[in-house]
Amino acid sequence: MHFTKSFVAAAAAAGVRAQEFTWTGTNQAGGEFGETVFPGQLGKHYIWPTPESVDTLAATGMNTFRVGTRMERLVPDDISGPINETYFEGLKNIVDHITGQGHYAVIDPHNYGRYYGNIINDIDGFSAWWTKIASRFACNALVIFDTNNEYHTMENSLVHDLNQAAIDAIRAAGATSQWIWVEGNAWSGAWSWVSSGNGESMLDLSDPEDKLVYEMHQYLDSDSSGTHTECVSPTIGVERLQEATEWLRQNGKIGILGETAGASNDVCKQAVVNELDFLLDNSDVWKGWLWWAAGPWWGDYMFSLEPPTGVAYQNMLSEIQPFIGA
């Protein structure tokens, strides 16, 4: 579906809630692992998601899979250099499998606005990187481009300029049918979207295809980091989404919660359900959500949605199931 700014504005003015999501699914982690070892070795430092995992989760109704990658592995040594075809083939194989089943594949450079650990200040280089990647997927309308995962500790103006450079490069590469997910500074947190300055600095991003989605992340623990088993309260997700929701609606934007999760305890289960229910109630502006995360190397990680033994797959799937494909 293509939700234009005019649609969002009209829906808001009429008090209409869409009551449906466009994208629901999970992150598929692994390709970004081993982030201190480049280029790294497949099976030792990083791993690609498996088709079997995607298919099992798709059978629950999930239609969107955010595939983690690293910029340094796709384009090593020089951000403007050539693609590493071996690593790219691994990415393309899983993307082709996902989209071949009719689902969305989100290409997620999991780099935090860095390249080899250094803040990306080379706007032209960032543009060149995206030109190369987007051109490879220009004919696949089910690919979604995520400009970069969780920019942080940067100038807001730089984050804006990197996002705009990615948008311009993707469109110039001939990828005109795909959605682009933009992320903000301060880990792209929904809870701090306004207070961090993202709300002001990201407002005037422009796309000639009018297919921008503002991707935010939200965890439910004390510092919104997603590193603690305890959630603050059953209502913390709803509370932390309030300002961002109003920002989206007031400015005629649409958003996606690109990462969220909670541990498998009673408070977190309630918090996750309340959060997803809030998103659904406000699905005129929130177009979906993705769980963090599936992937073959999570082991006993508290948020693992990897079938069949992931902790969240076994203990949280029944909680989130009503909101999958809703």
C-alpha atoms as a PDB file:
ATOM      1  CA  MET A   1       0.000   0.000   0.000  1.00  0.00           C
ATOM      2  CA  HIS A   2       1.130   3.553  -0.658  1.00  0.00           C
ATOM      3  CA  PHE A   3       0.030   5.912   2.104  1.00  0.00           C
ATOM      4  CA  THR A   4       0.530   9.463   0.885  1.00  0.00           C
ATOM      5  CA  LYS A   5       0.832  12.489   3.123  1.00  0.00           C
ATOM      6  CA  SER A   6      -2.616  13.591   2.004  1.00  0.00           C
ATOM      7  CA  PHE A   7      -4.083  10.232   3.083  1.00  0.00           C
ATOM      8  CA  VAL A   8      -2.546  10.503   6.540  1.00  0.00           C
ATOM      9  CA  ALA A   9      -3.697  14.101   6.948  1.00  0.00           C
ATOM     10  CA  ALA A  10      -7.231  13.288   5.823  1.00  0.00           C
ATOM     11  CA  ALA A  11      -7.445  10.283   8.113  1.00  0.00           C
ATOM     12  CA  ALA A  12      -6.235  12.306  11.069  1.00  0.00           C
ATOM     13  CA  ALA A  13      -8.658  15.127  10.352  1.00  0.00           C
ATOM     14  CA  ALA A  14     -11.532  12.679  10.205  1.00  0.00           C
ATOM     15  CA  GLY A  15     -10.487  10.910  13.366  1.00  0.00           C
ATOM     16  CA  VAL A  16     -10.055   7.707  11.387  1.00  0.00           C
ATOM     17  CA  ARG A  17      -7.823   4.879  12.615  1.00  0.00           C
ATOM     18  CA  ALA A  18      -6.722   2.523   9.875  1.00  0.00           C
ATOM     19  CA  GLN A  19      -6.804  -0.477  12.266  1.00  0.00           C
ATOM     20  CA  GLU A  20      -4.429  -2.474  10.150  1.00  0.00           C
ATOM     21  CA  PHE A  21      -0.692  -2.834   9.742  1.00  0.00           C
ATOM     22  CA  THR A  22       1.250  -2.898   6.506  1.00  0.00           C
ATOM     23  CA  TRP A  23       4.407  -4.506   7.899  1.00  0.00           C
ATOM     24  CA  THR A  24       4.681  -6.994  10.751  1.00  0.00           C
ATOM     25  CA  GLY A  25       7.579  -9.343  11.293  1.00  0.00           C
ATOM     26  CA  THR A  26      11.006  -9.627  12.815  1.00  0.00           C
ATOM     27  CA  ASN A  27      14.608  -8.675  12.467  1.00  0.00           C
ATOM     28  CA  GLN A  28      16.784 -11.467  11.088  1.00  0.00           C
ATOM     29  CA  ALA A  29      20.208 -10.994  12.635  1.00  0.00           C
ATOM     30  CA  GLY A  30      23.509 -12.612  11.774  1.00  0.00           C
ATOM     31  CA  GLY A  31      24.994 -10.917   8.741  1.00  0.00           C
ATOM     32  CA  GLU A  32      26.096  -8.006  10.932  1.00  0.00           C
ATOM     33  CA  PHE A  33      27.689 -10.177  13.650  1.00  0.00           C
ATOM     34  CA  GLY A  34      31.430 -10.120  14.284  1.00  0.00           C
ATOM     35  CA  GLU A  35      31.401  -6.360  13.966  1.00  0.00           C
ATOM     36  CA  THR A  36      35.031  -5.976  15.025  1.00  0.00           C
ATOM     37  CA  VAL A  37      36.368  -8.485  12.495  1.00  0.00           C
ATOM     38  CA  PHE A  38      36.400  -7.460   8.831  1.00  0.00           C
ATOM     39  CA  PRO A  39      35.883  -8.878   6.377  1.00  0.00           C
ATOM     40  CA  GLY A  40      35.244 -11.843   8.668  1.00  0.00           C
ATOM     41  CA  GLN A  41      34.563 -15.447   7.810  1.00  0.00           C
ATOM     42  CA  LEU A  42      31.127 -16.876   7.089  1.00  0.00           C
ATOM     43  CA  GLY A  43      30.189 -19.396   9.753  1.00  0.00           C
ATOM     44  CA  LYS A  44      32.814 -18.091  12.163  1.00  0.00           C
ATOM     45  CA  HIS A  45      32.283 -14.348  12.487  1.00  0.00           C
ATOM     46  CA  TYR A  46      28.897 -13.920  10.828  1.00  0.00           C
ATOM     47  CA  ILE A  47      26.019 -16.023   9.550  1.00  0.00           C
ATOM     48  CA  TRP A  48      23.058 -15.454   7.257  1.00  0.00           C
ATOM     49  CA  PRO A  49      19.469 -16.108   8.316  1.00  0.00           C
ATOM     50  CA  THR A  50      18.089 -19.412   7.098  1.00  0.00           C
ATOM     51  CA  PRO A  51      15.203 -19.824   4.650  1.00  0.00           C
ATOM     52  CA  GLU A  52      13.665 -22.311   7.091  1.00  0.00           C
ATOM     53  CA  SER A  53      13.503 -19.673   9.829  1.00  0.00           C
ATOM     54  CA  VAL A  54      11.907 -17.171   7.470  1.00  0.00           C
ATOM     55  CA  ASP A  55       9.347 -19.708   6.275  1.00  0.00           C
ATOM     56  CA  THR A  56       8.414 -20.822   9.792  1.00  0.00           C
ATOM     57  CA  LEU A  57       7.902 -17.266  10.965  1.00  0.00           C
ATOM     58  CA  ALA A  58       6.067 -16.317   7.764  1.00  0.00           C
ATOM     59  CA  ALA A  59       3.630 -19.126   8.509  1.00  0.00           C
ATOM     60  CA  THR A  60       2.552 -17.159  11.597  1.00  0.00           C
ATOM     61  CA  GLY A  61       1.504 -14.304   9.301  1.00  0.00           C
ATOM     62  CA  MET A  62       4.701 -12.259   9.369  1.00  0.00           C
ATOM     63  CA  ASN A  63       5.376 -10.495   6.091  1.00  0.00           C
ATOM     64  CA  THR A  64       8.497  -8.395   6.789  1.00  0.00           C
ATOM     65  CA  PHE A  65      12.049  -9.443   7.611  1.00  0.00           C
ATOM     66  CA  ARG A  66      14.796  -6.926   8.387  1.00  0.00           C
ATOM     67  CA  VAL A  67      18.110  -8.463   7.371  1.00  0.00           C
ATOM     68  CA  GLY A  68      21.186  -7.183   9.195  1.00  0.00           C
ATOM     69  CA  THR A  69      24.323  -6.444   7.164  1.00  0.00           C
ATOM     70  CA  ARG A  70      27.550  -4.480   7.580  1.00  0.00           C
ATOM     71  CA  MET A  71      28.598  -1.723   5.212  1.00  0.00           C
ATOM     72  CA  GLU A  72      32.246  -2.750   5.552  1.00  0.00           C
ATOM     73  CA  ARG A  73      31.517  -6.266   4.311  1.00  0.00           C
ATOM     74  CA  LEU A  74      29.366  -5.188   1.394  1.00  0.00           C
ATOM     75  CA  VAL A  75      31.833  -2.499   0.318  1.00  0.00           C
ATOM     76  CA  PRO A  76      35.189  -3.085   2.043  1.00  0.00           C
ATOM     77  CA  ASP A  77      38.158  -0.744   2.608  1.00  0.00           C
ATOM     78  CA  ASP A  78      36.741   2.300   0.805  1.00  0.00           C
ATOM     79  CA  ILE A  79      33.125   3.425   1.197  1.00  0.00           C
ATOM     80  CA  SER A  80      33.143   4.421  -2.489  1.00  0.00           C
ATOM     81  CA  GLY A  81      34.797   1.198  -3.615  1.00  0.00           C
ATOM     82  CA  PRO A  82      33.477  -1.934  -5.332  1.00  0.00           C
ATOM     83  CA  ILE A  83      31.077  -4.473  -3.867  1.00  0.00           C
ATOM     84  CA  ASN A  84      32.405  -7.631  -2.256  1.00  0.00           C
ATOM     85  CA  GLU A  85      30.551 -10.089  -4.467  1.00  0.00           C
ATOM     86  CA  THR A  86      30.940 -13.045  -2.101  1.00  0.00           C
ATOM     87  CA  TYR A  87      29.293 -11.310   0.824  1.00  0.00           C
ATOM     88  CA  PHE A  88      26.722  -9.694  -1.450  1.00  0.00           C
ATOM     89  CA  GLU A  89      25.725 -13.102  -2.796  1.00  0.00           C
ATOM     90  CA  GLY A  90      24.856 -14.243   0.729  1.00  0.00           C
ATOM     91  CA  LEU A  91      22.683 -11.171   1.245  1.00  0.00           C
ATOM     92  CA  LYS A  92      21.012 -11.514  -2.135  1.00  0.00           C
ATOM     93  CA  ASN A  93      20.233 -15.182  -1.573  1.00  0.00           C
ATOM     94  CA  ILE A  94      18.242 -14.547   1.597  1.00  0.00           C
ATOM     95  CA  VAL A  95      16.623 -11.391   0.189  1.00  0.00           C
ATOM     96  CA  ASP A  96      15.562 -13.304  -2.916  1.00  0.00           C
ATOM     97  CA  HIS A  97      14.117 -16.074  -0.773  1.00  0.00           C
ATOM     98  CA  ILE A  98      12.112 -13.635   1.346  1.00  0.00           C
ATOM     99  CA  THR A  99      10.754 -11.622  -1.564  1.00  0.00           C
ATOM    100  CA  GLY A 100      10.259 -14.743  -3.667  1.00  0.00           C
ATOM    101  CA  GLN A 101       7.666 -15.803  -1.114  1.00  0.00           C
ATOM    102  CA  GLY A 102       5.914 -12.459  -1.499  1.00  0.00           C
ATOM    103  CA  HIS A 103       7.288 -10.918   1.695  1.00  0.00           C
ATOM    104  CA  TYR A 104       9.216  -7.702   2.307  1.00  0.00           C
ATOM    105  CA  ALA A 105      12.979  -7.810   2.863  1.00  0.00           C
ATOM    106  CA  VAL A 106      14.474  -4.805   4.642  1.00  0.00           C
ATOM    107  CA  ILE A 107      18.158  -4.234   3.912  1.00  0.00           C
ATOM    108  CA  ASP A 108      19.595  -2.985   7.188  1.00  0.00           C
ATOM    109  CA  PRO A 109      23.180  -1.660   7.228  1.00  0.00           C
ATOM    110  CA  HIS A 110      23.676  -2.197  10.954  1.00  0.00           C
ATOM    111  CA  ASN A 111      26.370   0.454  11.275  1.00  0.00           C
ATOM    112  CA  TYR A 112      25.153   3.140  13.677  1.00  0.00           C
ATOM    113  CA  GLY A 113      26.229   5.864  11.261  1.00  0.00           C
ATOM    114  CA  ARG A 114      29.806   4.542  11.293  1.00  0.00           C
ATOM    115  CA  TYR A 115      32.180   2.960   8.787  1.00  0.00           C
ATOM    116  CA  TYR A 116      35.047   1.004  10.315  1.00  0.00           C
ATOM    117  CA  GLY A 117      34.067   2.553  13.633  1.00  0.00           C
ATOM    118  CA  ASN A 118      34.348   6.158  12.454  1.00  0.00           C
ATOM    119  CA  ILE A 119      31.396   8.524  12.098  1.00  0.00           C
ATOM    120  CA  ILE A 120      30.482   8.830   8.431  1.00  0.00           C
ATOM    121  CA  ASN A 121      31.179  12.425   7.412  1.00  0.00           C
ATOM    122  CA  ASP A 122      31.679  11.600   3.742  1.00  0.00           C
ATOM    123  CA  ILE A 123      28.236  12.403   2.331  1.00  0.00           C
ATOM    124  CA  ASP A 124      29.340  11.658  -1.236  1.00  0.00           C
ATOM    125  CA  GLY A 125      30.832   8.342  -0.138  1.00  0.00           C
ATOM    126  CA  PHE A 126      27.631   7.383   1.663  1.00  0.00           C
ATOM    127  CA  SER A 127      25.711   8.279  -1.475  1.00  0.00           C
ATOM    128  CA  ALA A 128      28.053   6.157  -3.596  1.00  0.00           C
ATOM    129  CA  TRP A 129      27.605   3.215  -1.220  1.00  0.00           C
ATOM    130  CA  TRP A 130      23.838   3.409  -1.505  1.00  0.00           C
ATOM    131  CA  THR A 131      23.978   3.872  -5.274  1.00  0.00           C
ATOM    132  CA  LYS A 132      25.768   0.547  -5.627  1.00  0.00           C
ATOM    133  CA  ILE A 133      23.457  -1.361  -3.284  1.00  0.00           C
ATOM    134  CA  ALA A 134      20.196   0.131  -4.538  1.00  0.00           C
ATOM    135  CA  SER A 135      21.053  -0.478  -8.169  1.00  0.00           C
ATOM    136  CA  ARG A 136      21.344  -4.210  -7.451  1.00  0.00           C
ATOM    137  CA  PHE A 137      17.790  -4.323  -6.073  1.00  0.00           C
ATOM    138  CA  ALA A 138      16.175  -1.664  -8.259  1.00  0.00           C
ATOM    139  CA  CYS A 139      13.838  -4.145  -9.934  1.00  0.00           C
ATOM    140  CA  ASN A 140      12.615  -5.791  -6.734  1.00  0.00           C
ATOM    141  CA  ALA A 141       9.684  -3.801  -5.369  1.00  0.00           C
ATOM    142  CA  LEU A 142       9.522  -5.920  -2.198  1.00  0.00           C
ATOM    143  CA  VAL A 143      12.919  -4.709  -1.011  1.00  0.00           C
ATOM    144  CA  ILE A 144      12.890  -1.917   1.575  1.00  0.00           C
ATOM    145  CA  PHE A 145      15.954   0.238   2.106  1.00  0.00           C
ATOM    146  CA  ASP A 146      16.810   1.186   5.716  1.00  0.00           C
ATOM    147  CA  THR A 147      19.340   4.020   5.464  1.00  0.00           C
ATOM    148  CA  ASN A 148      21.335   2.949   8.554  1.00  0.00           C
ATOM    149  CA  ASN A 149      20.701   1.370  11.925  1.00  0.00           C
ATOM    150  CA  GLU A 150      20.581   3.644  14.960  1.00  0.00           C
ATOM    151  CA  TYR A 151      22.650   6.711  14.208  1.00  0.00           C
ATOM    152  CA  HIS A 152      23.884   8.032  17.541  1.00  0.00           C
ATOM    153  CA  THR A 153      26.156  10.623  19.164  1.00  0.00           C
ATOM    154  CA  MET A 154      26.315  12.643  15.950  1.00  0.00           C
ATOM    155  CA  GLU A 155      25.244  16.083  14.845  1.00  0.00           C
ATOM    156  CA  ASN A 156      21.555  16.043  13.978  1.00  0.00           C
ATOM    157  CA  SER A 157      22.309  17.949  10.798  1.00  0.00           C
ATOM    158  CA  LEU A 158      24.715  15.214   9.698  1.00  0.00           C
ATOM    159  CA  VAL A 159      22.127  12.507  10.335  1.00  0.00           C
ATOM    160  CA  HIS A 160      19.656  14.495   8.249  1.00  0.00           C
ATOM    161  CA  ASP A 161      22.157  14.923   5.419  1.00  0.00           C
ATOM    162  CA  LEU A 162      23.107  11.232   5.391  1.00  0.00           C
ATOM    163  CA  ASN A 163      19.450  10.225   5.219  1.00  0.00           C
ATOM    164  CA  GLN A 164      18.762  12.663   2.388  1.00  0.00           C
ATOM    165  CA  ALA A 165      21.856  11.497   0.512  1.00  0.00           C
ATOM    166  CA  ALA A 166      20.672   7.889   0.797  1.00  0.00           C
ATOM    167  CA  ILE A 167      17.198   8.811  -0.454  1.00  0.00           C
ATOM    168  CA  ASP A 168      18.586  10.713  -3.432  1.00  0.00           C
ATOM    169  CA  ALA A 169      21.069   7.966  -4.310  1.00  0.00           C
ATOM    170  CA  ILE A 170      18.489   5.197  -4.094  1.00  0.00           C
ATOM    171  CA  ARG A 171      16.090   7.004  -6.393  1.00  0.00           C
ATOM    172  CA  ALA A 172      18.836   8.017  -8.825  1.00  0.00           C
ATOM    173  CA  ALA A 173      19.897   4.360  -9.014  1.00  0.00           C
ATOM    174  CA  GLY A 174      16.502   3.515 -10.509  1.00  0.00           C
ATOM    175  CA  ALA A 175      14.978   2.093  -7.325  1.00  0.00           C
ATOM    176  CA  THR A 176      11.775   4.102  -7.497  1.00  0.00           C
ATOM    177  CA  SER A 177       9.121   1.598  -6.410  1.00  0.00           C
ATOM    178  CA  GLN A 178      10.594   0.692  -3.018  1.00  0.00           C
ATOM    179  CA  TRP A 179       9.892   2.117   0.403  1.00  0.00           C
ATOM    180  CA  ILE A 180      12.746   3.841   2.209  1.00  0.00           C
ATOM    181  CA  TRP A 181      12.960   3.712   5.993  1.00  0.00           C
ATOM    182  CA  VAL A 182      14.853   6.632   7.525  1.00  0.00           C
ATOM    183  CA  GLU A 183      16.307   6.589  11.023  1.00  0.00           C
ATOM    184  CA  GLY A 184      17.172   9.368  13.418  1.00  0.00           C
ATOM    185  CA  ASN A 185      19.943  10.228  15.843  1.00  0.00           C
ATOM    186  CA  ALA A 186      20.006   9.054  19.487  1.00  0.00           C
ATOM    187  CA  TRP A 187      19.548   5.419  18.490  1.00  0.00           C
ATOM    188  CA  SER A 188      16.386   6.440  16.609  1.00  0.00           C
ATOM    189  CA  GLY A 189      14.458   6.073  19.843  1.00  0.00           C
ATOM    190  CA  ALA A 190      10.740   6.715  19.798  1.00  0.00           C
ATOM    191  CA  TRP A 191      10.840   7.818  23.440  1.00  0.00           C
ATOM    192  CA  SER A 192      13.273  10.638  22.623  1.00  0.00           C
ATOM    193  CA  TRP A 193      12.247  11.429  19.064  1.00  0.00           C
ATOM    194  CA  VAL A 194      11.157  14.952  19.936  1.00  0.00           C
ATOM    195  CA  SER A 195      13.534  15.742  22.817  1.00  0.00           C
ATOM    196  CA  SER A 196      16.606  14.567  20.865  1.00  0.00           C
ATOM    197  CA  GLY A 197      15.881  17.044  18.095  1.00  0.00           C
ATOM    198  CA  ASN A 198      15.040  14.372  15.528  1.00  0.00           C
ATOM    199  CA  GLY A 199      11.542  15.756  15.248  1.00  0.00           C
ATOM    200  CA  GLU A 200      12.897  19.066  14.036  1.00  0.00           C
ATOM    201  CA  SER A 201      15.945  17.968  12.051  1.00  0.00           C
ATOM    202  CA  MET A 202      14.276  15.090  10.200  1.00  0.00           C
ATOM    203  CA  LEU A 203      11.089  16.913   9.313  1.00  0.00           C
ATOM    204  CA  ASP A 204      12.027  18.181   5.862  1.00  0.00           C
ATOM    205  CA  LEU A 205      13.444  14.978   4.371  1.00  0.00           C
ATOM    206  CA  SER A 206      12.046  14.695   0.874  1.00  0.00           C
ATOM    207  CA  ASP A 207      11.424  11.841  -1.520  1.00  0.00           C
ATOM    208  CA  PRO A 208      10.109  12.362  -5.074  1.00  0.00           C
ATOM    209  CA  GLU A 209       8.242   9.064  -4.752  1.00  0.00           C
ATOM    210  CA  ASP A 210       6.628  10.030  -1.413  1.00  0.00           C
ATOM    211  CA  LYS A 211       7.500   6.638   0.089  1.00  0.00           C
ATOM    212  CA  LEU A 212       9.405   7.571   3.229  1.00  0.00           C
ATOM    213  CA  VAL A 213       8.754   5.844   6.532  1.00  0.00           C
ATOM    214  CA  TYR A 214      10.213   7.070   9.811  1.00  0.00           C
ATOM    215  CA  GLU A 215      11.739   4.082  11.569  1.00  0.00           C
ATOM    216  CA  MET A 216      11.985   4.271  15.338  1.00  0.00           C
ATOM    217  CA  HIS A 217      13.012   1.732  17.965  1.00  0.00           C
ATOM    218  CA  GLN A 218      11.542   1.205  21.418  1.00  0.00           C
ATOM    219  CA  TYR A 219      12.484  -1.092  24.269  1.00  0.00           C
ATOM    220  CA  LEU A 220      10.700  -1.342  27.567  1.00  0.00           C
ATOM    221  CA  ASP A 221      13.413  -1.535  30.219  1.00  0.00           C
ATOM    222  CA  SER A 222      14.659   1.251  32.475  1.00  0.00           C
ATOM    223  CA  ASP A 223      16.962   2.925  29.947  1.00  0.00           C
ATOM    224  CA  SER A 224      15.249   1.837  26.696  1.00  0.00           C
ATOM    225  CA  SER A 225      18.347  -0.178  25.779  1.00  0.00           C
ATOM    226  CA  GLY A 226      16.737  -3.611  25.586  1.00  0.00           C
ATOM    227  CA  THR A 227      19.488  -5.099  27.746  1.00  0.00           C
ATOM    228  CA  HIS A 228      17.503  -5.826  30.914  1.00  0.00           C
ATOM    229  CA  THR A 229      14.987  -8.564  31.637  1.00  0.00           C
ATOM    230  CA  GLU A 230      12.766  -6.214  33.635  1.00  0.00           C
ATOM    231  CA  CYS A 231      10.247  -3.893  31.991  1.00  0.00           C
ATOM    232  CA  VAL A 232       9.423  -0.667  33.821  1.00  0.00           C
ATOM    233  CA  SER A 233       5.656  -1.209  33.922  1.00  0.00           C
ATOM    234  CA  PRO A 234       2.823  -2.719  31.872  1.00  0.00           C
ATOM    235  CA  THR A 235       2.173   0.703  30.300  1.00  0.00           C
ATOM    236  CA  ILE A 236       5.733   1.858  29.624  1.00  0.00           C
ATOM    237  CA  GLY A 237       5.600   1.179  25.883  1.00  0.00           C
ATOM    238  CA  VAL A 238       2.425   3.199  25.472  1.00  0.00           C
ATOM    239  CA  GLU A 239       3.900   6.054  27.503  1.00  0.00           C
ATOM    240  CA  ARG A 240       7.115   6.133  25.497  1.00  0.00           C
ATOM    241  CA  LEU A 241       5.316   6.193  22.145  1.00  0.00           C
ATOM    242  CA  GLN A 242       2.991   9.118  22.896  1.00  0.00           C
ATOM    243  CA  GLU A 243       5.109  12.051  21.704  1.00  0.00           C
ATOM    244  CA  ALA A 244       6.369  10.309  18.582  1.00  0.00           C
ATOM    245  CA  THR A 245       2.818   9.331  17.665  1.00  0.00           C
ATOM    246  CA  GLU A 246       1.644  12.913  17.903  1.00  0.00           C
ATOM    247  CA  TRP A 247       4.656  14.087  15.922  1.00  0.00           C
ATOM    248  CA  LEU A 248       3.857  11.666  13.106  1.00  0.00           C
ATOM    249  CA  ARG A 249       0.205  12.666  13.015  1.00  0.00           C
ATOM    250  CA  GLN A 250       0.722  16.402  13.282  1.00  0.00           C
ATOM    251  CA  ASN A 251       3.279  16.373  10.494  1.00  0.00           C
ATOM    252  CA  GLY A 252       1.538  13.991   8.088  1.00  0.00           C
ATOM    253  CA  LYS A 253       4.245  11.317   8.428  1.00  0.00           C
ATOM    254  CA  ILE A 254       4.082   7.558   8.805  1.00  0.00           C
ATOM    255  CA  GLY A 255       6.257   5.409  11.026  1.00  0.00           C
ATOM    256  CA  ILE A 256       7.395   1.872  11.702  1.00  0.00           C
ATOM    257  CA  LEU A 257       8.622   0.467  15.002  1.00  0.00           C
ATOM    258  CA  GLY A 258      11.627  -1.293  13.520  1.00  0.00           C
ATOM    259  CA  GLU A 259      12.819  -2.870  16.771  1.00  0.00           C
ATOM    260  CA  THR A 260      10.930  -3.731  19.923  1.00  0.00           C
ATOM    261  CA  ALA A 261      10.935  -6.598  22.396  1.00  0.00           C
ATOM    262  CA  GLY A 262      10.411  -7.609  25.995  1.00  0.00           C
ATOM    263  CA  ALA A 263      11.520 -10.561  28.083  1.00  0.00           C
ATOM    264  CA  SER A 264       9.185 -13.438  28.899  1.00  0.00           C
ATOM    265  CA  ASN A 265       7.870 -12.361  32.285  1.00  0.00           C
ATOM    266  CA  ASP A 266       4.429 -11.159  33.291  1.00  0.00           C
ATOM    267  CA  VAL A 267       5.154  -7.416  33.337  1.00  0.00           C
ATOM    268  CA  CYS A 268       6.961  -7.481  30.004  1.00  0.00           C
ATOM    269  CA  LYS A 269       4.265  -9.586  28.385  1.00  0.00           C
ATOM    270  CA  GLN A 270       1.669  -7.020  29.415  1.00  0.00           C
ATOM    271  CA  ALA A 271       3.901  -4.162  28.315  1.00  0.00           C
ATOM    272  CA  VAL A 272       4.477  -5.694  24.862  1.00  0.00           C
ATOM    273  CA  VAL A 273       0.784  -6.416  24.330  1.00  0.00           C
ATOM    274  CA  ASN A 274      -0.213  -2.914  25.435  1.00  0.00           C
ATOM    275  CA  GLU A 275       2.438  -1.369  23.196  1.00  0.00           C
ATOM    276  CA  LEU A 276       1.361  -3.320  20.114  1.00  0.00           C
ATOM    277  CA  ASP A 277      -2.288  -2.612  20.860  1.00  0.00           C
ATOM    278  CA  PHE A 278      -1.452   1.098  21.018  1.00  0.00           C
ATOM    279  CA  LEU A 279       0.294   0.872  17.655  1.00  0.00           C
ATOM    280  CA  LEU A 280      -2.760  -0.815  16.174  1.00  0.00           C
ATOM    281  CA  ASP A 281      -5.058   1.839  17.621  1.00  0.00           C
ATOM    282  CA  ASN A 282      -2.833   4.424  15.940  1.00  0.00           C
ATOM    283  CA  SER A 283      -2.173   2.556  12.725  1.00  0.00           C
ATOM    284  CA  ASP A 284      -3.137   5.571  10.682  1.00  0.00           C
ATOM    285  CA  VAL A 285       0.441   6.674  11.394  1.00  0.00           C
ATOM    286  CA  TRP A 286       2.151   3.535  12.730  1.00  0.00           C
ATOM    287  CA  LYS A 287       2.313   1.120   9.821  1.00  0.00           C
ATOM    288  CA  GLY A 288       3.666  -1.840  11.726  1.00  0.00           C
ATOM    289  CA  TRP A 289       6.342  -3.276  13.970  1.00  0.00           C
ATOM    290  CA  LEU A 290       9.236  -5.732  13.921  1.00  0.00           C
ATOM    291  CA  TRP A 291      10.441  -7.892  16.778  1.00  0.00           C
ATOM    292  CA  TRP A 292      14.087  -7.919  17.798  1.00  0.00           C
ATOM    293  CA  ALA A 293      15.131 -10.569  16.791  1.00  0.00           C
ATOM    294  CA  ALA A 294      15.399 -13.917  15.060  1.00  0.00           C
ATOM    295  CA  GLY A 295      18.659 -15.337  13.750  1.00  0.00           C
ATOM    296  CA  PRO A 296      20.548 -18.646  13.986  1.00  0.00           C
ATOM    297  CA  TRP A 297      23.196 -17.627  16.543  1.00  0.00           C
ATOM    298  CA  TRP A 298      21.156 -16.230  19.417  1.00  0.00           C
ATOM    299  CA  GLY A 299      21.290 -19.300  21.653  1.00  0.00           C
ATOM    300  CA  ASP A 300      19.453 -18.553  24.899  1.00  0.00           C
ATOM    301  CA  TYR A 301      19.181 -14.786  24.267  1.00  0.00           C
ATOM    302  CA  MET A 302      16.054 -13.541  26.029  1.00  0.00           C
ATOM    303  CA  PHE A 303      14.519 -11.958  22.905  1.00  0.00           C
ATOM    304  CA  SER A 304      15.348 -14.742  20.442  1.00  0.00           C
ATOM    305  CA  LEU A 305      12.467 -15.446  18.087  1.00  0.00           C
ATOM    306  CA  GLU A 306      14.448 -18.082  16.210  1.00  0.00           C
ATOM    307  CA  PRO A 307      12.406 -21.257  15.659  1.00  0.00           C
ATOM    308  CA  PRO A 308      12.055 -23.717  17.177  1.00  0.00           C
ATOM    309  CA  THR A 309      13.965 -23.170  20.430  1.00  0.00           C
ATOM    310  CA  GLY A 310      14.320 -19.391  20.801  1.00  0.00           C
ATOM    311  CA  VAL A 311      13.252 -18.113  24.211  1.00  0.00           C
ATOM    312  CA  ALA A 312      10.820 -15.584  22.746  1.00  0.00           C
ATOM    313  CA  TYR A 313       9.646 -18.026  20.075  1.00  0.00           C
ATOM    314  CA  GLN A 314       8.604 -20.420  22.802  1.00  0.00           C
ATOM    315  CA  ASN A 315       7.319 -17.908  25.347  1.00  0.00           C
ATOM    316  CA  MET A 316       6.295 -14.691  23.584  1.00  0.00           C
ATOM    317  CA  LEU A 317       4.929 -15.726  20.207  1.00  0.00           C
ATOM    318  CA  SER A 318       1.465 -16.413  21.609  1.00  0.00           C
ATOM    319  CA  GLU A 319       1.419 -12.911  23.106  1.00  0.00           C
ATOM    320  CA  ILE A 320       2.321 -11.114  19.883  1.00  0.00           C
ATOM    321  CA  GLN A 321       0.400 -13.405  17.533  1.00  0.00           C
ATOM    322  CA  PRO A 322      -2.824 -11.290  17.592  1.00  0.00           C
ATOM    323  CA  PHE A 323      -0.817  -8.352  16.217  1.00  0.00           C
ATOM    324  CA  ILE A 324       0.918 -10.235  13.397  1.00  0.00           C
ATOM    325  CA  GLY A 325      -0.694  -9.393  10.099  1.00  0.00           C
ATOM    326  CA  ALA A 326      -3.337  -7.389  11.976  1.00  0.00           C
END
